[in-house]
Amino acid sequence: MRLEDDSAIPEELRAAYRLLKNAGFLPPELQLRRDVREAEHLLQQLPDSDRSRARARLELLQLRLAASHRQPMNLLLEDQYRQQLLERLG
């Protein structure tokens, strides 16, 4: 799917979405995804002593993103992902 493809957006909202896009605003889910990526990057950059707060923020953002999908989270996958991330950072 092309980023410019707005066929999934109701016709009456397309102009408003284009204005927001051109002004640099993202839909909430995309903003959450961006925030998660930034939190992951920050976590990788921090020394061990400062990681607990950044890790908590990352987990909160991941929970918000999962809630935005209105689908149950697969906690096993989330835990596996968290463990892999911690091993990579450790």
PDB file of N, CA and C in Angstrom:
ATOM      1  N   MET A   1       0.837  -1.185   0.000  1.00  0.00           N
ATOM      2  CA  MET A   1       0.000   0.000   0.000  1.00  0.00           C
ATOM      3  C   MET A   1       0.883   1.250   0.000  1.00  0.00           C
ATOM      4  N   ARG A   2       0.580   2.190  -0.848  1.00  0.00           N
ATOM      5  CA  ARG A   2       1.307   3.447  -0.917  1.00  0.00           C
ATOM      6  C   ARG A   2       0.890   4.345   0.242  1.00  0.00           C
ATOM      7  N   LEU A   3       1.841   5.152   0.738  1.00  0.00           N
ATOM      8  CA  LEU A   3       1.526   6.062   1.840  1.00  0.00           C
ATOM      9  C   LEU A   3       0.493   7.101   1.431  1.00  0.00           C
ATOM     10  N   GLU A   4       0.483   7.466   0.163  1.00  0.00           N
ATOM     11  CA  GLU A   4      -0.447   8.484  -0.312  1.00  0.00           C
ATOM     12  C   GLU A   4      -1.832   7.916  -0.590  1.00  0.00           C
ATOM     13  N   ASP A   5      -1.978   6.613  -0.536  1.00  0.00           N
ATOM     14  CA  ASP A   5      -3.251   5.965  -0.812  1.00  0.00           C
ATOM     15  C   ASP A   5      -4.220   6.267   0.316  1.00  0.00           C
ATOM     16  N   ASP A   6      -5.260   7.024  -0.004  1.00  0.00           N
ATOM     17  CA  ASP A   6      -6.242   7.379   1.022  1.00  0.00           C
ATOM     18  C   ASP A   6      -7.592   6.726   0.748  1.00  0.00           C
ATOM     19  N   SER A   7      -7.586   5.646  -0.022  1.00  0.00           N
ATOM     20  CA  SER A   7      -8.842   4.985  -0.371  1.00  0.00           C
ATOM     21  C   SER A   7      -9.551   4.381   0.841  1.00  0.00           C
ATOM     22  N   ALA A   8      -8.824   4.071   1.907  1.00  0.00           N
ATOM     23  CA  ALA A   8      -9.441   3.495   3.101  1.00  0.00           C
ATOM     24  C   ALA A   8     -10.047   4.558   4.011  1.00  0.00           C
ATOM     25  N   ILE A   9      -9.768   5.819   3.724  1.00  0.00           N
ATOM     26  CA  ILE A   9     -10.282   6.931   4.530  1.00  0.00           C
ATOM     27  C   ILE A   9     -11.610   7.394   3.936  1.00  0.00           C
ATOM     28  N   PRO A  10     -12.634   7.572   4.766  1.00  0.00           N
ATOM     29  CA  PRO A  10     -13.913   8.059   4.243  1.00  0.00           C
ATOM     30  C   PRO A  10     -13.715   9.374   3.472  1.00  0.00           C
ATOM     31  N   GLU A  11     -14.425   9.497   2.380  1.00  0.00           N
ATOM     32  CA  GLU A  11     -14.244  10.641   1.485  1.00  0.00           C
ATOM     33  C   GLU A  11     -14.383  11.981   2.201  1.00  0.00           C
ATOM     34  N   GLU A  12     -15.308  12.067   3.156  1.00  0.00           N
ATOM     35  CA  GLU A  12     -15.527  13.340   3.856  1.00  0.00           C
ATOM     36  C   GLU A  12     -14.384  13.707   4.794  1.00  0.00           C
ATOM     37  N   LEU A  13     -13.489  12.757   5.098  1.00  0.00           N
ATOM     38  CA  LEU A  13     -12.356  13.028   5.985  1.00  0.00           C
ATOM     39  C   LEU A  13     -11.028  13.201   5.252  1.00  0.00           C
ATOM     40  N   ARG A  14     -10.998  12.913   3.972  1.00  0.00           N
ATOM     41  CA  ARG A  14      -9.732  12.908   3.235  1.00  0.00           C
ATOM     42  C   ARG A  14      -9.027  14.259   3.239  1.00  0.00           C
ATOM     43  N   ALA A  15      -9.761  15.327   3.022  1.00  0.00           N
ATOM     44  CA  ALA A  15      -9.136  16.658   2.998  1.00  0.00           C
ATOM     45  C   ALA A  15      -8.533  16.992   4.362  1.00  0.00           C
ATOM     46  N   ALA A  16      -9.259  16.669   5.422  1.00  0.00           N
ATOM     47  CA  ALA A  16      -8.748  16.944   6.770  1.00  0.00           C
ATOM     48  C   ALA A  16      -7.497  16.118   7.045  1.00  0.00           C
ATOM     49  N   TYR A  17      -7.496  14.852   6.644  1.00  0.00           N
ATOM     50  CA  TYR A  17      -6.330  13.996   6.844  1.00  0.00           C
ATOM     51  C   TYR A  17      -5.126  14.523   6.074  1.00  0.00           C
ATOM     52  N   ARG A  18      -5.354  14.991   4.848  1.00  0.00           N
ATOM     53  CA  ARG A  18      -4.245  15.542   4.057  1.00  0.00           C
ATOM     54  C   ARG A  18      -3.672  16.790   4.720  1.00  0.00           C
ATOM     55  N   LEU A  19      -4.556  17.646   5.244  1.00  0.00           N
ATOM     56  CA  LEU A  19      -4.079  18.843   5.942  1.00  0.00           C
ATOM     57  C   LEU A  19      -3.229  18.469   7.154  1.00  0.00           C
ATOM     58  N   LEU A  20      -3.706  17.525   7.939  1.00  0.00           N
ATOM     59  CA  LEU A  20      -2.948  17.084   9.109  1.00  0.00           C
ATOM     60  C   LEU A  20      -1.624  16.456   8.705  1.00  0.00           C
ATOM     61  N   LYS A  21      -1.646  15.642   7.666  1.00  0.00           N
ATOM     62  CA  LYS A  21      -0.422  14.997   7.196  1.00  0.00           C
ATOM     63  C   LYS A  21       0.586  16.045   6.735  1.00  0.00           C
ATOM     64  N   ASN A  22       0.133  17.015   5.974  1.00  0.00           N
ATOM     65  CA  ASN A  22       1.025  18.068   5.474  1.00  0.00           C
ATOM     66  C   ASN A  22       1.559  18.956   6.597  1.00  0.00           C
ATOM     67  N   ALA A  23       0.829  19.025   7.708  1.00  0.00           N
ATOM     68  CA  ALA A  23       1.275  19.821   8.855  1.00  0.00           C
ATOM     69  C   ALA A  23       2.182  19.019   9.789  1.00  0.00           C
ATOM     70  N   GLY A  24       2.418  17.751   9.448  1.00  0.00           N
ATOM     71  CA  GLY A  24       3.324  16.938  10.256  1.00  0.00           C
ATOM     72  C   GLY A  24       2.667  16.149  11.370  1.00  0.00           C
ATOM     73  N   PHE A  25       1.351  16.107  11.409  1.00  0.00           N
ATOM     74  CA  PHE A  25       0.646  15.344  12.443  1.00  0.00           C
ATOM     75  C   PHE A  25       0.432  13.918  11.974  1.00  0.00           C
ATOM     76  N   LEU A  26       0.535  12.987  12.900  1.00  0.00           N
ATOM     77  CA  LEU A  26       0.319  11.579  12.602  1.00  0.00           C
ATOM     78  C   LEU A  26      -0.952  11.086  13.276  1.00  0.00           C
ATOM     79  N   PRO A  27      -1.591  10.072  12.687  1.00  0.00           N
ATOM     80  CA  PRO A  27      -2.705   9.431  13.389  1.00  0.00           C
ATOM     81  C   PRO A  27      -2.182   8.845  14.705  1.00  0.00           C
ATOM     82  N   PRO A  28      -3.035   8.723  15.700  1.00  0.00           N
ATOM     83  CA  PRO A  28      -2.595   8.263  17.023  1.00  0.00           C
ATOM     84  C   PRO A  28      -1.794   6.961  17.002  1.00  0.00           C
ATOM     85  N   GLU A  29      -2.222   5.964  16.218  1.00  0.00           N
ATOM     86  CA  GLU A  29      -1.492   4.693  16.210  1.00  0.00           C
ATOM     87  C   GLU A  29      -0.087   4.867  15.646  1.00  0.00           C
ATOM     88  N   LEU A  30       0.046   5.651  14.586  1.00  0.00           N
ATOM     89  CA  LEU A  30       1.378   5.870  14.014  1.00  0.00           C
ATOM     90  C   LEU A  30       2.263   6.661  14.974  1.00  0.00           C
ATOM     91  N   GLN A  31       1.679   7.615  15.685  1.00  0.00           N
ATOM     92  CA  GLN A  31       2.450   8.366  16.674  1.00  0.00           C
ATOM     93  C   GLN A  31       2.927   7.439  17.794  1.00  0.00           C
ATOM     94  N   LEU A  32       2.046   6.528  18.226  1.00  0.00           N
ATOM     95  CA  LEU A  32       2.441   5.566  19.253  1.00  0.00           C
ATOM     96  C   LEU A  32       3.571   4.667  18.758  1.00  0.00           C
ATOM     97  N   ARG A  33       3.486   4.232  17.512  1.00  0.00           N
ATOM     98  CA  ARG A  33       4.551   3.398  16.949  1.00  0.00           C
ATOM     99  C   ARG A  33       5.871   4.165  16.916  1.00  0.00           C
ATOM    100  N   ARG A  34       5.802   5.431  16.545  1.00  0.00           N
ATOM    101  CA  ARG A  34       7.013   6.264  16.526  1.00  0.00           C
ATOM    102  C   ARG A  34       7.566   6.413  17.942  1.00  0.00           C
ATOM    103  N   ASP A  35       6.678   6.637  18.912  1.00  0.00           N
ATOM    104  CA  ASP A  35       7.111   6.784  20.305  1.00  0.00           C
ATOM    105  C   ASP A  35       7.771   5.501  20.825  1.00  0.00           C
ATOM    106  N   VAL A  36       7.229   4.348  20.429  1.00  0.00           N
ATOM    107  CA  VAL A  36       7.816   3.070  20.844  1.00  0.00           C
ATOM    108  C   VAL A  36       9.220   2.938  20.265  1.00  0.00           C
ATOM    109  N   ARG A  37       9.377   3.247  18.974  1.00  0.00           N
ATOM    110  CA  ARG A  37      10.710   3.161  18.358  1.00  0.00           C
ATOM    111  C   ARG A  37      11.695   4.090  19.045  1.00  0.00           C
ATOM    112  N   GLU A  38      11.258   5.317  19.367  1.00  0.00           N
ATOM    113  CA  GLU A  38      12.142   6.266  20.044  1.00  0.00           C
ATOM    114  C   GLU A  38      12.511   5.777  21.441  1.00  0.00           C
ATOM    115  N   ALA A  39      11.547   5.187  22.156  1.00  0.00           N
ATOM    116  CA  ALA A  39      11.828   4.662  23.502  1.00  0.00           C
ATOM    117  C   ALA A  39      12.797   3.485  23.428  1.00  0.00           C
ATOM    118  N   GLU A  40      12.638   2.628  22.422  1.00  0.00           N
ATOM    119  CA  GLU A  40      13.573   1.515  22.242  1.00  0.00           C
ATOM    120  C   GLU A  40      14.983   2.032  21.973  1.00  0.00           C
ATOM    121  N   HIS A  41      15.072   3.035  21.125  1.00  0.00           N
ATOM    122  CA  HIS A  41      16.378   3.618  20.802  1.00  0.00           C
ATOM    123  C   HIS A  41      17.006   4.245  22.050  1.00  0.00           C
ATOM    124  N   LEU A  42      16.211   4.983  22.817  1.00  0.00           N
ATOM    125  CA  LEU A  42      16.703   5.609  24.037  1.00  0.00           C
ATOM    126  C   LEU A  42      17.200   4.551  25.023  1.00  0.00           C
ATOM    127  N   LEU A  43      16.445   3.478  25.164  1.00  0.00           N
ATOM    128  CA  LEU A  43      16.820   2.409  26.091  1.00  0.00           C
ATOM    129  C   LEU A  43      18.184   1.827  25.720  1.00  0.00           C
ATOM    130  N   GLN A  44      18.444   1.705  24.447  1.00  0.00           N
ATOM    131  CA  GLN A  44      19.732   1.163  23.999  1.00  0.00           C
ATOM    132  C   GLN A  44      20.882   2.112  24.325  1.00  0.00           C
ATOM    133  N   GLN A  45      20.616   3.402  24.391  1.00  0.00           N
ATOM    134  CA  GLN A  45      21.658   4.398  24.600  1.00  0.00           C
ATOM    135  C   GLN A  45      21.990   4.641  26.070  1.00  0.00           C
ATOM    136  N   LEU A  46      21.082   4.279  26.962  1.00  0.00           N
ATOM    137  CA  LEU A  46      21.252   4.605  28.381  1.00  0.00           C
ATOM    138  C   LEU A  46      22.180   3.627  29.094  1.00  0.00           C
ATOM    139  N   PRO A  47      22.885   4.118  30.098  1.00  0.00           N
ATOM    140  CA  PRO A  47      23.656   3.207  30.951  1.00  0.00           C
ATOM    141  C   PRO A  47      22.703   2.351  31.784  1.00  0.00           C
ATOM    142  N   ASP A  48      23.188   1.215  32.253  1.00  0.00           N
ATOM    143  CA  ASP A  48      22.344   0.278  33.006  1.00  0.00           C
ATOM    144  C   ASP A  48      21.616   0.945  34.169  1.00  0.00           C
ATOM    145  N   SER A  49      22.268   1.861  34.855  1.00  0.00           N
ATOM    146  CA  SER A  49      21.681   2.476  36.039  1.00  0.00           C
ATOM    147  C   SER A  49      20.457   3.339  35.720  1.00  0.00           C
ATOM    148  N   ASP A  50      20.314   3.776  34.471  1.00  0.00           N
ATOM    149  CA  ASP A  50      19.197   4.650  34.099  1.00  0.00           C
ATOM    150  C   ASP A  50      18.123   3.949  33.278  1.00  0.00           C
ATOM    151  N   ARG A  51      18.224   2.653  33.127  1.00  0.00           N
ATOM    152  CA  ARG A  51      17.322   1.943  32.214  1.00  0.00           C
ATOM    153  C   ARG A  51      15.951   1.623  32.789  1.00  0.00           C
ATOM    154  N   SER A  52      15.804   1.536  34.085  1.00  0.00           N
ATOM    155  CA  SER A  52      14.528   1.073  34.646  1.00  0.00           C
ATOM    156  C   SER A  52      13.377   2.007  34.283  1.00  0.00           C
ATOM    157  N   ARG A  53      13.589   3.296  34.375  1.00  0.00           N
ATOM    158  CA  ARG A  53      12.514   4.240  34.046  1.00  0.00           C
ATOM    159  C   ARG A  53      12.212   4.218  32.548  1.00  0.00           C
ATOM    160  N   ALA A  54      13.246   4.146  31.720  1.00  0.00           N
ATOM    161  CA  ALA A  54      13.044   4.085  30.276  1.00  0.00           C
ATOM    162  C   ALA A  54      12.343   2.786  29.887  1.00  0.00           C
ATOM    163  N   ARG A  55      12.684   1.686  30.557  1.00  0.00           N
ATOM    164  CA  ARG A  55      12.042   0.398  30.290  1.00  0.00           C
ATOM    165  C   ARG A  55      10.562   0.467  30.665  1.00  0.00           C
ATOM    166  N   ALA A  56      10.244   1.111  31.778  1.00  0.00           N
ATOM    167  CA  ALA A  56       8.848   1.256  32.203  1.00  0.00           C
ATOM    168  C   ALA A  56       8.065   2.093  31.190  1.00  0.00           C
ATOM    169  N   ARG A  57       8.689   3.150  30.672  1.00  0.00           N
ATOM    170  CA  ARG A  57       8.021   3.978  29.654  1.00  0.00           C
ATOM    171  C   ARG A  57       7.774   3.174  28.382  1.00  0.00           C
ATOM    172  N   LEU A  58       8.754   2.385  27.976  1.00  0.00           N
ATOM    173  CA  LEU A  58       8.597   1.555  26.793  1.00  0.00           C
ATOM    174  C   LEU A  58       7.447   0.567  26.983  1.00  0.00           C
ATOM    175  N   GLU A  59       7.380  -0.054  28.126  1.00  0.00           N
ATOM    176  CA  GLU A  59       6.306  -1.008  28.386  1.00  0.00           C
ATOM    177  C   GLU A  59       4.945  -0.330  28.369  1.00  0.00           C
ATOM    178  N   LEU A  60       4.850   0.866  28.918  1.00  0.00           N
ATOM    179  CA  LEU A  60       3.594   1.614  28.901  1.00  0.00           C
ATOM    180  C   LEU A  60       3.185   1.925  27.465  1.00  0.00           C
ATOM    181  N   LEU A  61       4.123   2.379  26.665  1.00  0.00           N
ATOM    182  CA  LEU A  61       3.817   2.687  25.261  1.00  0.00           C
ATOM    183  C   LEU A  61       3.373   1.432  24.507  1.00  0.00           C
ATOM    184  N   GLN A  62       4.022   0.307  24.777  1.00  0.00           N
ATOM    185  CA  GLN A  62       3.639  -0.942  24.124  1.00  0.00           C
ATOM    186  C   GLN A  62       2.230  -1.363  24.532  1.00  0.00           C
ATOM    187  N   LEU A  63       1.891  -1.158  25.796  1.00  0.00           N
ATOM    188  CA  LEU A  63       0.534  -1.477  26.251  1.00  0.00           C
ATOM    189  C   LEU A  63      -0.497  -0.575  25.580  1.00  0.00           C
ATOM    190  N   ARG A  64      -0.181   0.699  25.457  1.00  0.00           N
ATOM    191  CA  ARG A  64      -1.097   1.625  24.782  1.00  0.00           C
ATOM    192  C   ARG A  64      -1.289   1.225  23.322  1.00  0.00           C
ATOM    193  N   LEU A  65      -0.213   0.849  22.675  1.00  0.00           N
ATOM    194  CA  LEU A  65      -0.294   0.441  21.274  1.00  0.00           C
ATOM    195  C   LEU A  65      -1.148  -0.814  21.139  1.00  0.00           C
ATOM    196  N   ALA A  66      -0.934  -1.777  22.023  1.00  0.00           N
ATOM    197  CA  ALA A  66      -1.737  -3.002  21.993  1.00  0.00           C
ATOM    198  C   ALA A  66      -3.209  -2.691  22.247  1.00  0.00           C
ATOM    199  N   ALA A  67      -3.484  -1.784  23.175  1.00  0.00           N
ATOM    200  CA  ALA A  67      -4.868  -1.412  23.472  1.00  0.00           C
ATOM    201  C   ALA A  67      -5.507  -0.699  22.293  1.00  0.00           C
ATOM    202  N   SER A  68      -4.721   0.029  21.530  1.00  0.00           N
ATOM    203  CA  SER A  68      -5.273   0.742  20.381  1.00  0.00           C
ATOM    204  C   SER A  68      -5.733  -0.222  19.298  1.00  0.00           C
ATOM    205  N   HIS A  69      -5.175  -1.414  19.274  1.00  0.00           N
ATOM    206  CA  HIS A  69      -5.604  -2.419  18.307  1.00  0.00           C
ATOM    207  C   HIS A  69      -6.873  -3.124  18.748  1.00  0.00           C
ATOM    208  N   ARG A  70      -7.214  -2.939  20.023  1.00  0.00           N
ATOM    209  CA  ARG A  70      -8.386  -3.584  20.606  1.00  0.00           C
ATOM    210  C   ARG A  70      -8.332  -5.102  20.422  1.00  0.00           C
ATOM    211  N   GLN A  71      -7.112  -5.619  20.503  1.00  0.00           N
ATOM    212  CA  GLN A  71      -6.907  -7.054  20.422  1.00  0.00           C
ATOM    213  C   GLN A  71      -6.200  -7.484  21.693  1.00  0.00           C
ATOM    214  N   PRO A  72      -6.465  -8.695  22.153  1.00  0.00           N
ATOM    215  CA  PRO A  72      -5.737  -9.146  23.341  1.00  0.00           C
ATOM    216  C   PRO A  72      -4.250  -9.255  23.045  1.00  0.00           C
ATOM    217  N   MET A  73      -3.448  -8.843  23.998  1.00  0.00           N
ATOM    218  CA  MET A  73      -1.997  -8.936  23.846  1.00  0.00           C
ATOM    219  C   MET A  73      -1.565 -10.376  24.025  1.00  0.00           C
ATOM    220  N   ASN A  74      -0.618 -10.786  23.253  1.00  0.00           N
ATOM    221  CA  ASN A  74      -0.009 -12.089  23.446  1.00  0.00           C
ATOM    222  C   ASN A  74       1.152 -11.873  24.408  1.00  0.00           C
ATOM    223  N   LEU A  75       0.900 -12.101  25.694  1.00  0.00           N
ATOM    224  CA  LEU A  75       1.905 -11.806  26.713  1.00  0.00           C
ATOM    225  C   LEU A  75       3.158 -12.653  26.552  1.00  0.00           C
ATOM    226  N   LEU A  76       3.009 -13.861  26.034  1.00  0.00           N
ATOM    227  CA  LEU A  76       4.183 -14.696  25.806  1.00  0.00           C
ATOM    228  C   LEU A  76       5.108 -14.026  24.798  1.00  0.00           C
ATOM    229  N   LEU A  77       4.551 -13.528  23.709  1.00  0.00           N
ATOM    230  CA  LEU A  77       5.370 -12.860  22.704  1.00  0.00           C
ATOM    231  C   LEU A  77       5.970 -11.571  23.259  1.00  0.00           C
ATOM    232  N   GLU A  78       5.170 -10.831  24.039  1.00  0.00           N
ATOM    233  CA  GLU A  78       5.681  -9.600  24.624  1.00  0.00           C
ATOM    234  C   GLU A  78       6.847  -9.897  25.559  1.00  0.00           C
ATOM    235  N   ASP A  79       6.720 -10.945  26.377  1.00  0.00           N
ATOM    236  CA  ASP A  79       7.778 -11.298  27.310  1.00  0.00           C
ATOM    237  C   ASP A  79       9.017 -11.768  26.559  1.00  0.00           C
ATOM    238  N   GLN A  80       8.820 -12.541  25.508  1.00  0.00           N
ATOM    239  CA  GLN A  80       9.954 -12.990  24.703  1.00  0.00           C
ATOM    240  C   GLN A  80      10.652 -11.797  24.063  1.00  0.00           C
ATOM    241  N   TYR A  81       9.877 -10.867  23.565  1.00  0.00           N
ATOM    242  CA  TYR A  81      10.464  -9.677  22.951  1.00  0.00           C
ATOM    243  C   TYR A  81      11.257  -8.890  23.985  1.00  0.00           C
ATOM    244  N   ARG A  82      10.687  -8.703  25.169  1.00  0.00           N
ATOM    245  CA  ARG A  82      11.355  -7.952  26.222  1.00  0.00           C
ATOM    246  C   ARG A  82      12.662  -8.638  26.620  1.00  0.00           C
ATOM    247  N   GLN A  83      12.613  -9.971  26.743  1.00  0.00           N
ATOM    248  CA  GLN A  83      13.818 -10.717  27.122  1.00  0.00           C
ATOM    249  C   GLN A  83      14.901 -10.582  26.047  1.00  0.00           C
ATOM    250  N   GLN A  84      14.523 -10.667  24.790  1.00  0.00           N
ATOM    251  CA  GLN A  84      15.492 -10.522  23.694  1.00  0.00           C
ATOM    252  C   GLN A  84      16.100  -9.125  23.718  1.00  0.00           C
ATOM    253  N   LEU A  85      15.273  -8.129  23.963  1.00  0.00           N
ATOM    254  CA  LEU A  85      15.770  -6.754  24.019  1.00  0.00           C
ATOM    255  C   LEU A  85      16.746  -6.580  25.172  1.00  0.00           C
ATOM    256  N   LEU A  86      16.405  -7.129  26.333  1.00  0.00           N
ATOM    257  CA  LEU A  86      17.292  -7.004  27.488  1.00  0.00           C
ATOM    258  C   LEU A  86      18.598  -7.744  27.269  1.00  0.00           C
ATOM    259  N   GLU A  87      18.533  -8.909  26.637  1.00  0.00           N
ATOM    260  CA  GLU A  87      19.765  -9.644  26.338  1.00  0.00           C
ATOM    261  C   GLU A  87      20.639  -8.870  25.362  1.00  0.00           C
ATOM    262  N   ARG A  88      20.014  -8.258  24.403  1.00  0.00           N
ATOM    263  CA  ARG A  88      20.765  -7.478  23.411  1.00  0.00           C
ATOM    264  C   ARG A  88      21.424  -6.269  24.052  1.00  0.00           C
ATOM    265  N   LEU A  89      20.735  -5.656  25.003  1.00  0.00           N
ATOM    266  CA  LEU A  89      21.266  -4.467  25.661  1.00  0.00           C
ATOM    267  C   LEU A  89      22.274  -4.830  26.748  1.00  0.00           C
ATOM    268  N   GLY A  90      22.144  -6.016  27.321  1.00  0.00           N
ATOM    269  CA  GLY A  90      22.992  -6.420  28.430  1.00  0.00           C
ATOM    270  C   GLY A  90      24.330  -6.831  27.971  1.00  0.00           C
TER     271      GLY A  90
END
